[in-house]
N, C-alpha and C. Protein backbone atom coordinates (compact mmCIF):
# COMPACT_ATOMS: atom_id res chain seq x y z
N UNK A 1 -17.79 1.25 9.14
CA UNK A 1 -17.86 0.02 8.35
C UNK A 1 -16.68 -0.01 7.37
N UNK A 2 -16.03 -1.14 7.29
CA UNK A 2 -14.86 -1.28 6.42
C UNK A 2 -15.31 -1.64 5.01
N UNK A 3 -15.19 -0.65 4.11
CA UNK A 3 -15.66 -0.86 2.74
C UNK A 3 -14.54 -0.80 1.71
N UNK A 4 -13.36 -0.29 2.10
CA UNK A 4 -12.23 -0.23 1.18
C UNK A 4 -11.28 -1.37 1.49
N UNK A 5 -10.51 -1.74 0.50
CA UNK A 5 -9.46 -2.74 0.65
C UNK A 5 -8.14 -1.99 0.54
N UNK A 6 -7.40 -1.89 1.65
CA UNK A 6 -6.18 -1.10 1.73
C UNK A 6 -4.98 -2.03 1.77
N UNK A 7 -4.04 -1.84 0.84
CA UNK A 7 -2.85 -2.68 0.75
C UNK A 7 -1.64 -1.94 1.26
N UNK A 8 -0.94 -2.55 2.23
CA UNK A 8 0.29 -1.99 2.77
C UNK A 8 1.42 -3.01 2.62
N UNK A 9 2.65 -2.54 2.69
CA UNK A 9 3.81 -3.42 2.62
C UNK A 9 5.00 -2.65 2.09
N UNK A 10 6.13 -3.31 2.08
CA UNK A 10 7.36 -2.69 1.63
C UNK A 10 7.27 -2.28 0.16
N UNK A 11 8.10 -1.33 -0.22
CA UNK A 11 8.25 -1.01 -1.63
C UNK A 11 8.64 -2.29 -2.35
N UNK A 12 8.03 -2.56 -3.47
CA UNK A 12 8.34 -3.77 -4.22
C UNK A 12 7.67 -5.03 -3.72
N UNK A 13 6.76 -4.90 -2.76
CA UNK A 13 6.10 -6.09 -2.22
C UNK A 13 4.98 -6.59 -3.12
N UNK A 14 4.54 -5.76 -4.06
CA UNK A 14 3.49 -6.17 -4.99
C UNK A 14 2.16 -5.47 -4.77
N UNK A 15 2.15 -4.42 -3.98
CA UNK A 15 0.88 -3.73 -3.68
C UNK A 15 0.16 -3.24 -4.93
N UNK A 16 0.88 -2.60 -5.82
CA UNK A 16 0.24 -2.07 -7.03
C UNK A 16 -0.21 -3.18 -7.96
N UNK A 17 0.63 -4.17 -8.18
CA UNK A 17 0.25 -5.29 -9.06
C UNK A 17 -0.95 -6.04 -8.50
N UNK A 18 -0.90 -6.35 -7.21
CA UNK A 18 -2.02 -7.05 -6.57
C UNK A 18 -3.26 -6.17 -6.61
N UNK A 19 -3.09 -4.89 -6.29
CA UNK A 19 -4.22 -3.97 -6.27
C UNK A 19 -4.90 -3.84 -7.62
N UNK A 20 -4.12 -3.72 -8.68
CA UNK A 20 -4.70 -3.60 -10.01
C UNK A 20 -5.48 -4.86 -10.38
N UNK A 21 -4.92 -6.02 -10.06
CA UNK A 21 -5.61 -7.28 -10.39
C UNK A 21 -6.88 -7.45 -9.55
N UNK A 22 -6.79 -7.16 -8.25
CA UNK A 22 -7.98 -7.26 -7.41
C UNK A 22 -9.06 -6.31 -7.89
N UNK A 23 -8.66 -5.12 -8.26
CA UNK A 23 -9.60 -4.13 -8.78
C UNK A 23 -10.37 -4.70 -9.97
N UNK A 24 -9.65 -5.32 -10.90
CA UNK A 24 -10.30 -5.90 -12.08
C UNK A 24 -11.19 -7.08 -11.70
N UNK A 25 -10.66 -7.97 -10.88
CA UNK A 25 -11.40 -9.18 -10.54
C UNK A 25 -12.64 -8.90 -9.69
N UNK A 26 -12.56 -7.87 -8.84
CA UNK A 26 -13.68 -7.55 -7.97
C UNK A 26 -14.58 -6.45 -8.53
N UNK A 27 -14.21 -5.93 -9.70
CA UNK A 27 -14.94 -4.83 -10.34
C UNK A 27 -15.07 -3.62 -9.41
N UNK A 28 -13.91 -3.25 -8.82
CA UNK A 28 -13.84 -2.09 -7.93
C UNK A 28 -12.81 -1.11 -8.48
N UNK A 29 -12.97 0.18 -8.19
CA UNK A 29 -11.94 1.14 -8.62
C UNK A 29 -10.61 0.88 -7.89
N UNK A 30 -9.52 1.31 -8.50
CA UNK A 30 -8.19 1.18 -7.92
C UNK A 30 -7.58 2.55 -7.76
N UNK A 31 -7.03 2.82 -6.58
CA UNK A 31 -6.35 4.09 -6.32
C UNK A 31 -4.98 3.78 -5.72
N UNK A 32 -3.96 4.41 -6.25
CA UNK A 32 -2.60 4.29 -5.74
C UNK A 32 -2.26 5.62 -5.08
N UNK A 33 -2.00 5.60 -3.78
CA UNK A 33 -1.76 6.85 -3.05
C UNK A 33 -0.54 7.58 -3.60
N UNK A 34 0.52 6.86 -3.99
CA UNK A 34 1.68 7.54 -4.55
C UNK A 34 1.34 8.26 -5.85
N UNK A 35 0.52 7.64 -6.70
CA UNK A 35 0.10 8.31 -7.93
C UNK A 35 -0.78 9.52 -7.63
N UNK A 36 -1.64 9.40 -6.63
CA UNK A 36 -2.47 10.53 -6.22
C UNK A 36 -1.59 11.69 -5.76
N UNK A 37 -0.56 11.39 -4.99
CA UNK A 37 0.36 12.43 -4.52
C UNK A 37 1.03 13.12 -5.71
N UNK A 38 1.46 12.33 -6.68
CA UNK A 38 2.11 12.91 -7.87
C UNK A 38 1.13 13.80 -8.65
N UNK A 39 -0.12 13.38 -8.73
CA UNK A 39 -1.13 14.19 -9.44
C UNK A 39 -1.43 15.49 -8.69
N UNK A 40 -1.55 15.39 -7.37
CA UNK A 40 -1.87 16.57 -6.55
C UNK A 40 -0.75 17.59 -6.62
N UNK A 41 0.50 17.12 -6.51
CA UNK A 41 1.65 18.03 -6.42
C UNK A 41 2.27 18.37 -7.77
N UNK A 42 1.92 17.57 -8.79
CA UNK A 42 2.54 17.72 -10.11
C UNK A 42 4.06 17.51 -10.03
N UNK A 43 4.48 16.66 -9.09
CA UNK A 43 5.89 16.31 -8.92
C UNK A 43 5.99 14.80 -8.71
N UNK A 44 7.15 14.26 -9.04
CA UNK A 44 7.38 12.83 -8.81
C UNK A 44 7.74 12.60 -7.34
N UNK A 45 7.60 11.37 -6.91
CA UNK A 45 7.97 11.02 -5.53
C UNK A 45 9.44 11.36 -5.27
N UNK A 46 10.38 10.99 -6.17
CA UNK A 46 11.77 11.39 -5.93
C UNK A 46 11.96 12.90 -5.80
N UNK A 47 11.23 13.68 -6.59
CA UNK A 47 11.33 15.15 -6.48
C UNK A 47 10.84 15.63 -5.11
N UNK A 48 9.78 15.03 -4.61
CA UNK A 48 9.26 15.41 -3.29
C UNK A 48 10.25 15.04 -2.19
N UNK A 49 10.89 13.90 -2.34
CA UNK A 49 11.89 13.47 -1.36
C UNK A 49 13.13 14.37 -1.41
N UNK A 50 13.41 14.95 -2.57
CA UNK A 50 14.55 15.86 -2.66
C UNK A 50 14.38 17.05 -1.74
N UNK A 51 13.14 17.51 -1.58
CA UNK A 51 12.87 18.60 -0.63
C UNK A 51 13.19 18.07 0.77
N UNK A 52 12.56 16.97 1.15
CA UNK A 52 12.85 16.26 2.39
C UNK A 52 11.85 15.12 2.54
N UNK A 53 12.23 14.13 3.32
CA UNK A 53 11.30 13.04 3.59
C UNK A 53 10.10 13.58 4.38
N UNK A 54 10.35 14.50 5.30
CA UNK A 54 9.27 15.08 6.11
C UNK A 54 8.25 15.79 5.21
N UNK A 55 8.73 16.48 4.18
CA UNK A 55 7.85 17.15 3.22
C UNK A 55 6.95 16.12 2.53
N UNK A 56 7.57 15.03 2.05
CA UNK A 56 6.79 13.98 1.40
C UNK A 56 5.77 13.38 2.37
N UNK A 57 6.20 13.07 3.58
CA UNK A 57 5.31 12.41 4.55
C UNK A 57 4.11 13.30 4.90
N UNK A 58 4.30 14.61 4.96
CA UNK A 58 3.19 15.52 5.24
C UNK A 58 2.16 15.46 4.11
N UNK A 59 2.63 15.43 2.87
CA UNK A 59 1.73 15.34 1.72
C UNK A 59 1.04 13.97 1.72
N UNK A 60 1.79 12.92 2.04
CA UNK A 60 1.24 11.57 2.11
C UNK A 60 0.12 11.50 3.16
N UNK A 61 0.31 12.15 4.30
CA UNK A 61 -0.70 12.15 5.36
C UNK A 61 -2.00 12.80 4.87
N UNK A 62 -1.87 13.90 4.15
CA UNK A 62 -3.06 14.57 3.60
C UNK A 62 -3.75 13.68 2.57
N UNK A 63 -2.96 13.01 1.74
CA UNK A 63 -3.54 12.12 0.72
C UNK A 63 -4.27 10.95 1.39
N UNK A 64 -3.73 10.41 2.47
CA UNK A 64 -4.39 9.31 3.18
C UNK A 64 -5.73 9.77 3.74
N UNK A 65 -5.75 10.94 4.35
CA UNK A 65 -7.01 11.47 4.91
C UNK A 65 -8.03 11.67 3.80
N UNK A 66 -7.57 12.26 2.69
CA UNK A 66 -8.47 12.55 1.58
C UNK A 66 -9.06 11.27 0.98
N UNK A 67 -8.20 10.30 0.72
CA UNK A 67 -8.68 9.07 0.07
C UNK A 67 -9.58 8.28 1.01
N UNK A 68 -9.25 8.27 2.31
CA UNK A 68 -10.08 7.55 3.27
C UNK A 68 -11.45 8.20 3.41
N UNK A 69 -11.50 9.51 3.31
CA UNK A 69 -12.77 10.24 3.46
C UNK A 69 -13.65 10.15 2.22
N UNK A 70 -13.03 10.07 1.04
CA UNK A 70 -13.79 10.15 -0.21
C UNK A 70 -14.10 8.81 -0.87
N UNK A 71 -13.25 7.82 -0.67
CA UNK A 71 -13.41 6.57 -1.40
C UNK A 71 -14.27 5.57 -0.64
N UNK A 72 -15.00 4.78 -1.38
CA UNK A 72 -15.76 3.68 -0.83
C UNK A 72 -15.74 2.54 -1.84
N UNK A 73 -15.68 1.32 -1.34
CA UNK A 73 -15.60 0.14 -2.20
C UNK A 73 -14.49 0.31 -3.24
N UNK A 74 -13.29 0.62 -2.74
CA UNK A 74 -12.13 0.90 -3.58
C UNK A 74 -10.94 0.10 -3.09
N UNK A 75 -10.11 -0.37 -4.02
CA UNK A 75 -8.84 -0.99 -3.69
C UNK A 75 -7.80 0.12 -3.66
N UNK A 76 -7.11 0.25 -2.53
CA UNK A 76 -6.17 1.35 -2.32
C UNK A 76 -4.78 0.78 -2.05
N UNK A 77 -3.81 1.20 -2.86
CA UNK A 77 -2.42 0.80 -2.67
C UNK A 77 -1.69 1.96 -2.00
N UNK A 78 -1.00 1.67 -0.90
CA UNK A 78 -0.29 2.70 -0.14
C UNK A 78 1.21 2.61 -0.40
N UNK A 79 1.90 3.72 -0.19
CA UNK A 79 3.36 3.72 -0.24
C UNK A 79 3.93 2.91 0.92
N UNK A 80 5.15 2.46 0.77
CA UNK A 80 5.77 1.60 1.78
C UNK A 80 5.89 2.21 3.15
N UNK A 81 6.03 3.54 3.24
CA UNK A 81 6.21 4.19 4.52
C UNK A 81 4.95 4.74 5.15
N UNK A 82 3.80 4.42 4.59
CA UNK A 82 2.53 4.96 5.09
C UNK A 82 2.33 4.61 6.56
N UNK A 83 2.88 3.50 7.00
CA UNK A 83 2.67 3.05 8.38
C UNK A 83 3.52 3.81 9.38
N UNK A 84 4.41 4.66 8.92
CA UNK A 84 5.27 5.41 9.84
C UNK A 84 4.50 6.45 10.64
N UNK A 85 3.36 6.89 10.12
CA UNK A 85 2.53 7.87 10.81
C UNK A 85 1.25 7.16 11.27
N UNK A 86 1.08 6.98 12.57
CA UNK A 86 -0.11 6.28 13.07
C UNK A 86 -1.42 6.94 12.62
N UNK A 87 -1.39 8.25 12.35
CA UNK A 87 -2.59 8.93 11.89
C UNK A 87 -3.02 8.45 10.50
N UNK A 88 -2.04 8.06 9.67
CA UNK A 88 -2.38 7.51 8.35
C UNK A 88 -3.19 6.23 8.51
N UNK A 89 -2.71 5.35 9.36
CA UNK A 89 -3.39 4.07 9.56
C UNK A 89 -4.75 4.32 10.21
N UNK A 90 -4.81 5.23 11.14
CA UNK A 90 -6.08 5.56 11.80
C UNK A 90 -7.11 6.01 10.75
N UNK A 91 -6.68 6.88 9.84
CA UNK A 91 -7.60 7.38 8.80
C UNK A 91 -8.01 6.25 7.86
N UNK A 92 -7.06 5.46 7.40
CA UNK A 92 -7.36 4.39 6.45
C UNK A 92 -8.19 3.29 7.09
N UNK A 93 -7.96 3.02 8.37
CA UNK A 93 -8.69 1.96 9.06
C UNK A 93 -10.17 2.29 9.23
N UNK A 94 -10.51 3.57 9.30
CA UNK A 94 -11.92 3.96 9.50
C UNK A 94 -12.83 3.35 8.46
N UNK A 95 -12.38 3.31 7.22
CA UNK A 95 -13.24 2.77 6.15
C UNK A 95 -12.58 1.62 5.41
N UNK A 96 -11.45 1.14 5.90
CA UNK A 96 -10.74 0.12 5.14
C UNK A 96 -10.32 -1.10 5.93
N UNK A 97 -10.29 -2.21 5.23
CA UNK A 97 -9.75 -3.48 5.72
C UNK A 97 -8.32 -3.50 5.22
N UNK A 98 -7.35 -3.58 6.13
CA UNK A 98 -5.95 -3.41 5.78
C UNK A 98 -5.26 -4.76 5.63
N UNK A 99 -4.62 -4.94 4.46
CA UNK A 99 -3.90 -6.17 4.15
C UNK A 99 -2.41 -5.86 4.03
N UNK A 100 -1.61 -6.57 4.80
CA UNK A 100 -0.16 -6.47 4.74
C UNK A 100 0.34 -7.50 3.74
N UNK A 101 0.88 -7.03 2.62
CA UNK A 101 1.49 -7.92 1.64
C UNK A 101 2.97 -8.05 2.03
N UNK A 102 3.30 -9.21 2.55
CA UNK A 102 4.63 -9.46 3.10
C UNK A 102 5.44 -10.28 2.11
N UNK A 103 6.46 -9.67 1.57
CA UNK A 103 7.30 -10.33 0.57
C UNK A 103 8.74 -10.36 1.07
N UNK A 104 9.43 -11.49 0.94
CA UNK A 104 10.83 -11.56 1.38
C UNK A 104 11.68 -10.51 0.67
N UNK A 105 12.57 -9.88 1.43
CA UNK A 105 13.43 -8.83 0.89
C UNK A 105 14.24 -9.35 -0.30
N UNK A 106 14.69 -10.59 -0.23
CA UNK A 106 15.49 -11.16 -1.32
C UNK A 106 14.73 -11.12 -2.64
N UNK A 107 13.44 -11.42 -2.59
CA UNK A 107 12.62 -11.39 -3.80
C UNK A 107 12.36 -9.96 -4.26
N UNK A 108 12.21 -9.05 -3.33
CA UNK A 108 12.03 -7.64 -3.70
C UNK A 108 13.26 -7.16 -4.46
N UNK A 109 14.43 -7.48 -3.94
CA UNK A 109 15.69 -7.05 -4.55
C UNK A 109 15.81 -7.58 -5.98
N UNK A 110 15.35 -8.80 -6.21
CA UNK A 110 15.42 -9.39 -7.55
C UNK A 110 14.56 -8.64 -8.56
N UNK A 111 13.47 -8.01 -8.08
CA UNK A 111 12.48 -7.44 -8.99
C UNK A 111 12.49 -5.93 -9.17
N UNK A 112 13.03 -5.19 -8.22
CA UNK A 112 12.91 -3.73 -8.34
C UNK A 112 14.24 -3.08 -8.69
N UNK A 113 14.12 -1.92 -9.26
CA UNK A 113 15.28 -1.08 -9.56
C UNK A 113 15.47 -0.17 -8.36
N UNK A 114 16.41 -0.50 -7.52
CA UNK A 114 16.62 0.23 -6.27
C UNK A 114 16.97 1.69 -6.52
N UNK A 115 17.67 1.97 -7.58
CA UNK A 115 18.10 3.34 -7.86
C UNK A 115 16.98 4.34 -8.05
N UNK A 116 15.78 3.85 -8.41
CA UNK A 116 14.64 4.74 -8.63
C UNK A 116 13.82 4.97 -7.37
N UNK A 117 14.19 4.35 -6.28
CA UNK A 117 13.44 4.48 -5.02
C UNK A 117 14.23 5.40 -4.09
N UNK A 118 13.67 6.56 -3.74
CA UNK A 118 14.41 7.57 -2.97
C UNK A 118 15.05 7.05 -1.69
N UNK A 119 14.33 6.22 -0.93
CA UNK A 119 14.89 5.76 0.34
C UNK A 119 15.91 4.63 0.17
N UNK A 120 16.04 4.12 -1.05
CA UNK A 120 16.92 2.97 -1.25
C UNK A 120 18.20 3.31 -2.00
N UNK A 121 18.51 4.60 -2.10
CA UNK A 121 19.72 5.00 -2.81
C UNK A 121 20.97 4.39 -2.20
N UNK A 122 20.90 4.05 -0.91
CA UNK A 122 22.05 3.45 -0.23
C UNK A 122 22.23 1.97 -0.60
N UNK A 123 21.28 1.39 -1.31
CA UNK A 123 21.43 0.02 -1.78
C UNK A 123 20.64 -1.01 -0.98
N UNK A 124 20.99 -2.26 -1.21
CA UNK A 124 20.26 -3.39 -0.64
C UNK A 124 20.25 -3.39 0.88
N UNK A 125 21.33 -2.98 1.50
CA UNK A 125 21.41 -2.97 2.95
C UNK A 125 20.30 -2.11 3.55
N UNK A 126 20.01 -1.00 2.91
CA UNK A 126 18.95 -0.10 3.38
C UNK A 126 17.59 -0.78 3.32
N UNK A 127 17.36 -1.58 2.29
CA UNK A 127 16.09 -2.29 2.17
C UNK A 127 15.91 -3.26 3.33
N UNK A 128 16.96 -4.00 3.67
CA UNK A 128 16.89 -4.91 4.82
C UNK A 128 16.63 -4.13 6.11
N UNK A 129 17.29 -2.99 6.25
CA UNK A 129 17.12 -2.16 7.45
C UNK A 129 15.69 -1.65 7.55
N UNK A 130 15.14 -1.15 6.44
CA UNK A 130 13.76 -0.65 6.45
C UNK A 130 12.77 -1.76 6.77
N UNK A 131 12.99 -2.95 6.22
CA UNK A 131 12.10 -4.08 6.49
C UNK A 131 12.12 -4.40 7.98
N UNK A 132 13.30 -4.44 8.55
CA UNK A 132 13.45 -4.73 9.98
C UNK A 132 12.74 -3.67 10.82
N UNK A 133 12.90 -2.40 10.45
CA UNK A 133 12.28 -1.30 11.19
C UNK A 133 10.76 -1.29 11.06
N UNK A 134 10.25 -1.70 9.91
CA UNK A 134 8.82 -1.53 9.62
C UNK A 134 7.97 -2.77 9.83
N UNK A 135 8.58 -3.93 9.91
CA UNK A 135 7.81 -5.17 9.93
C UNK A 135 6.72 -5.17 11.01
N UNK A 136 7.07 -4.85 12.23
CA UNK A 136 6.09 -4.87 13.32
C UNK A 136 5.01 -3.81 13.13
N UNK A 137 5.37 -2.68 12.51
CA UNK A 137 4.36 -1.65 12.23
C UNK A 137 3.35 -2.17 11.21
N UNK A 138 3.84 -2.87 10.18
CA UNK A 138 2.93 -3.46 9.19
C UNK A 138 2.00 -4.47 9.87
N UNK A 139 2.59 -5.35 10.67
CA UNK A 139 1.78 -6.38 11.34
C UNK A 139 0.73 -5.77 12.24
N UNK A 140 1.12 -4.74 12.99
CA UNK A 140 0.18 -4.10 13.92
C UNK A 140 -0.95 -3.38 13.18
N UNK A 141 -0.64 -2.83 12.02
CA UNK A 141 -1.64 -2.07 11.25
C UNK A 141 -2.61 -2.97 10.50
N UNK A 142 -2.19 -4.19 10.19
CA UNK A 142 -2.95 -5.05 9.28
C UNK A 142 -4.08 -5.82 9.97
N UNK A 143 -5.16 -5.95 9.23
CA UNK A 143 -6.24 -6.86 9.62
C UNK A 143 -5.94 -8.27 9.12
N UNK A 144 -5.13 -8.34 8.08
CA UNK A 144 -4.80 -9.62 7.46
C UNK A 144 -3.41 -9.52 6.85
N UNK A 145 -2.64 -10.59 6.95
CA UNK A 145 -1.29 -10.64 6.36
C UNK A 145 -1.24 -11.79 5.36
N UNK A 146 -0.72 -11.48 4.17
CA UNK A 146 -0.55 -12.51 3.16
C UNK A 146 0.91 -12.51 2.73
N UNK A 147 1.49 -13.71 2.66
CA UNK A 147 2.87 -13.83 2.20
C UNK A 147 2.88 -13.87 0.68
N UNK A 148 3.69 -13.01 0.11
CA UNK A 148 3.82 -12.93 -1.35
C UNK A 148 5.18 -13.50 -1.72
N UNK A 149 5.27 -14.82 -1.73
CA UNK A 149 6.52 -15.44 -2.12
C UNK A 149 6.36 -16.53 -3.16
N UNK A 150 5.14 -16.66 -3.69
CA UNK A 150 4.97 -17.63 -4.77
C UNK A 150 4.39 -16.94 -5.99
N UNK A 151 3.09 -17.08 -6.22
CA UNK A 151 2.50 -16.51 -7.43
C UNK A 151 1.51 -15.40 -7.11
N UNK A 152 1.27 -14.56 -8.07
CA UNK A 152 0.26 -13.52 -7.95
C UNK A 152 -1.11 -14.15 -7.70
N UNK A 153 -1.39 -15.25 -8.38
CA UNK A 153 -2.67 -15.92 -8.22
C UNK A 153 -2.88 -16.38 -6.78
N UNK A 154 -1.81 -16.87 -6.13
CA UNK A 154 -1.91 -17.30 -4.73
C UNK A 154 -2.31 -16.12 -3.85
N UNK A 155 -1.64 -14.99 -4.02
CA UNK A 155 -1.91 -13.80 -3.20
C UNK A 155 -3.35 -13.33 -3.42
N UNK A 156 -3.77 -13.27 -4.68
CA UNK A 156 -5.13 -12.83 -5.00
C UNK A 156 -6.17 -13.75 -4.36
N UNK A 157 -5.95 -15.04 -4.46
CA UNK A 157 -6.88 -16.02 -3.89
C UNK A 157 -6.95 -15.89 -2.38
N UNK A 158 -5.80 -15.74 -1.73
CA UNK A 158 -5.77 -15.60 -0.27
C UNK A 158 -6.56 -14.37 0.17
N UNK A 159 -6.34 -13.26 -0.49
CA UNK A 159 -7.04 -12.03 -0.10
C UNK A 159 -8.54 -12.19 -0.35
N UNK A 160 -8.92 -12.68 -1.51
CA UNK A 160 -10.35 -12.82 -1.84
C UNK A 160 -11.04 -13.80 -0.89
N UNK A 161 -10.33 -14.84 -0.46
CA UNK A 161 -10.89 -15.84 0.45
C UNK A 161 -11.22 -15.22 1.80
N UNK A 162 -10.43 -14.27 2.24
CA UNK A 162 -10.60 -13.67 3.57
C UNK A 162 -11.30 -12.31 3.53
N UNK A 163 -11.68 -11.86 2.37
CA UNK A 163 -12.24 -10.53 2.17
C UNK A 163 -13.58 -10.37 2.91
N UNK A 164 -13.71 -9.31 3.70
CA UNK A 164 -15.01 -9.07 4.35
C UNK A 164 -16.09 -8.75 3.31
N UNK A 165 -17.31 -9.16 3.59
CA UNK A 165 -18.43 -8.93 2.67
C UNK A 165 -18.71 -7.45 2.44
N UNK A 166 -18.33 -6.61 3.39
CA UNK A 166 -18.63 -5.17 3.29
C UNK A 166 -17.88 -4.48 2.15
N UNK A 167 -16.85 -5.09 1.62
CA UNK A 167 -16.04 -4.45 0.59
C UNK A 167 -16.70 -4.52 -0.79
N UNK A 168 -17.39 -5.60 -1.05
CA UNK A 168 -18.07 -5.75 -2.35
C UNK A 168 -19.47 -5.19 -2.21
N UNK A 169 -19.78 -4.13 -2.99
CA UNK A 169 -21.13 -3.56 -2.89
C UNK A 169 -22.20 -4.56 -3.34
N UNK A 170 -23.30 -4.52 -2.66
CA UNK A 170 -24.42 -5.41 -3.03
C UNK A 170 -24.97 -4.95 -4.38
N UNK A 171 -25.10 -5.88 -5.30
CA UNK A 171 -25.64 -5.59 -6.63
C UNK A 171 -27.17 -5.76 -6.58
N UNK A 172 -27.84 -4.81 -7.17
CA UNK A 172 -29.30 -4.93 -7.25
C UNK A 172 -29.68 -5.88 -8.37
N UNK A 173 -30.63 -6.72 -8.08
CA UNK A 173 -31.08 -7.72 -9.07
C UNK A 173 -32.05 -7.13 -10.05
């Protein structure tokens, strides 16, 4: 049964912002997998990438399994590359409804500091390349896709309108 709300999309697509707001509006806990990884390892994402991307991805895979196994009725924000490992999506899909937050690369570039993102050190061209490489993986993994090119309120409304009933726990009267 799908009881978690799992947000996927490119870095800078709005997963954390949308997730935090949905968490508040739906009165559900919010978990950010990247923050969980930093707490578990006591290292920042850039520090983990300095070892290697493969090192980071292995830790990310464990975090996905852990969060999927332990969380229920939770809004979960995933890192942009979570879809690169089919096992991550398999684990998250077991208990989660997956939403692809699709934001135009041009808008992402306007809002994020590329220098702080390990995979984007090469600049804007790399962001376009990653989007091109990952777009179909996001689409294939998602139960629902929402375009994030206007307002936060629009994205929140779209997700809440399509939200399965299983995600909101039944309140006892």
